[in-house]
Protein backbone atom coordinates (compact mmCIF):
# COMPACT_ATOMS: atom_id res chain seq x y z
CA MET A 1 -1.14 -25.56 53.60
CA LEU A 2 0.21 -25.27 50.19
CA ASN A 3 -1.57 -23.10 47.69
CA PRO A 4 -2.21 -25.22 44.28
CA PHE A 5 -2.11 -21.89 42.26
CA GLU A 6 1.25 -20.90 43.90
CA ILE A 7 2.66 -24.23 43.11
CA GLN A 8 1.55 -24.04 39.60
CA ARG A 9 2.89 -20.38 39.31
CA GLN A 10 6.34 -21.62 40.72
CA MET A 11 6.36 -24.64 38.30
CA PHE A 12 5.55 -22.45 35.27
CA THR A 13 8.34 -20.03 36.29
CA GLU A 14 10.91 -22.79 36.55
CA PHE A 15 9.75 -24.29 33.26
CA GLU A 16 9.99 -20.92 31.59
CA LYS A 17 13.42 -20.42 32.80
CA SER A 18 14.70 -23.67 31.81
CA PHE A 19 13.16 -23.51 28.45
CA GLY A 20 14.33 -19.97 27.81
CA ASP A 21 18.02 -20.99 28.75
CA TYR A 22 17.86 -24.04 26.38
CA PHE A 23 16.70 -21.84 23.51
CA GLN A 24 19.01 -19.18 24.20
CA LYS A 25 22.01 -21.71 23.92
CA MET A 26 20.35 -23.37 20.93
CA MET A 27 19.80 -20.20 18.92
CA ARG A 28 23.42 -19.23 19.24
CA GLU A 29 24.73 -22.47 17.71
CA PRO A 30 25.90 -21.97 14.11
CA ALA A 31 24.19 -25.26 13.03
CA PHE A 32 20.77 -23.86 14.16
CA MET A 33 21.36 -20.51 12.57
CA GLN A 34 22.22 -22.39 9.21
CA LEU A 35 19.14 -24.47 9.45
CA VAL A 36 16.96 -21.38 10.05
CA ALA A 37 18.68 -19.65 7.04
CA GLN A 38 18.08 -22.81 4.96
CA ASN A 39 14.41 -22.80 5.88
CA MET A 40 14.07 -19.02 5.13
CA ASN A 41 15.75 -19.57 1.64
CA GLY A 42 13.40 -22.32 0.95
CA ALA A 43 10.39 -20.44 1.95
CA MET A 44 11.36 -17.48 -0.35
CA ASP A 45 11.96 -20.08 -3.15
CA LEU A 46 8.64 -21.50 -2.55
CA ARG A 47 6.98 -18.17 -2.58
CA ALA A 48 8.51 -17.07 -5.87
CA LEU A 49 7.62 -20.48 -7.32
CA THR A 50 4.02 -20.06 -6.21
CA LYS A 51 3.95 -16.36 -7.50
CA ALA A 52 5.22 -17.62 -11.01
CA GLN A 53 2.67 -20.35 -11.05
CA VAL A 54 -0.13 -18.02 -10.25
CA GLU A 55 1.02 -15.36 -12.83
CA SER A 56 1.14 -18.13 -15.41
CA THR A 57 -2.40 -19.35 -14.52
CA LEU A 58 -3.87 -15.76 -14.59
CA GLU A 59 -2.23 -15.40 -18.01
CA MET A 60 -3.74 -18.59 -19.36
CA LEU A 61 -7.13 -17.52 -18.08
CA GLN A 62 -6.60 -14.01 -19.49
CA LEU A 63 -6.91 -12.40 -16.09
CA PRO A 64 -4.85 -9.43 -14.92
CA SER A 65 -2.22 -9.94 -12.16
CA SER A 66 -2.05 -7.62 -9.29
CA GLU A 67 0.95 -5.83 -10.77
CA ALA A 68 -1.05 -5.21 -13.78
CA ILE A 69 -4.09 -3.85 -11.75
CA GLU A 70 -1.64 -1.74 -9.75
CA LYS A 71 -0.20 -0.36 -12.93
CA LEU A 72 -3.77 0.52 -14.25
CA TYR A 73 -4.56 2.37 -10.89
CA GLN A 74 -1.39 4.42 -11.19
CA THR A 75 -2.29 5.44 -14.86
CA ILE A 76 -5.72 6.22 -13.88
CA HIS A 77 -4.45 8.33 -11.02
CA GLN A 78 -2.02 10.27 -13.42
CA LEU A 79 -4.90 10.75 -15.89
CA GLU A 80 -7.13 12.11 -13.17
CA SER A 81 -4.35 14.51 -12.14
CA LYS A 82 -3.78 15.68 -15.73
CA VAL A 83 -7.57 16.22 -16.29
CA LEU A 84 -7.88 18.18 -13.07
CA ASP A 85 -4.87 20.33 -14.29
CA LEU A 86 -6.39 20.91 -17.62
CA GLU A 87 -9.93 21.76 -16.06
CA GLU A 88 -8.13 24.43 -13.99
CA GLN A 89 -6.21 25.83 -17.12
CA VAL A 90 -9.46 25.97 -19.16
CA GLU A 91 -11.20 27.68 -16.25
CA SER A 92 -8.44 30.16 -16.12
CA VAL A 93 -8.38 30.80 -19.84
CA SER A 94 -12.25 31.04 -19.83
CA ALA A 95 -12.08 33.80 -17.09
CA GLU A 96 -9.47 35.69 -19.06
CA LEU A 97 -11.56 35.57 -22.24
CA ARG A 98 -14.64 36.84 -20.39
CA THR A 99 -12.59 39.70 -18.86
CA MET A 100 -11.17 40.54 -22.20
CA LYS A 101 -14.78 40.36 -23.88
CA ALA A 102 -16.12 42.73 -21.23
CA GLU A 103 -13.40 45.30 -21.74
CA THR A 104 -13.74 45.15 -25.51
CA GLN A 105 -17.50 45.84 -25.42
CA PRO A 106 -17.58 49.47 -24.08
CA GLY A 107 -21.26 50.25 -25.03
CA LYS A 108 -22.75 47.32 -22.97
CA THR A 109 -23.65 47.98 -19.35
CA SER A 110 -23.70 45.64 -16.51
CA GLY A 111 -26.91 43.95 -15.59
CA SER A 112 -27.43 46.11 -12.31
CA GLU A 113 -27.10 49.41 -14.45
CA ALA A 114 -29.63 48.08 -17.05
CA ALA A 115 -32.26 47.44 -14.51
CA ARG A 116 -32.19 51.01 -13.44
């Protein structure tokens, strides 16, 4: 007796092989490749047109674009880095000043010696 699942599997395998062979031949045709290239160019043109339209709309609504927001994030990151660097420099200078102040006041004793 024939197994219906085996028949279906064989049919699918044959279909896949035939379909694959057909597409392999078709994809190698210059006319097909030219059509694909035209579609890709059309899609890229549409994307550029859409982007320009969105940017124009955002500008009319006085809203920032994603590029403007990205530039703001970059600027904020740079400013945060500079602030951290300045904080480190201030701490370093403060530590040096405390050391110099302690060295220039010879009559003062440290807190542990005064407690004795």
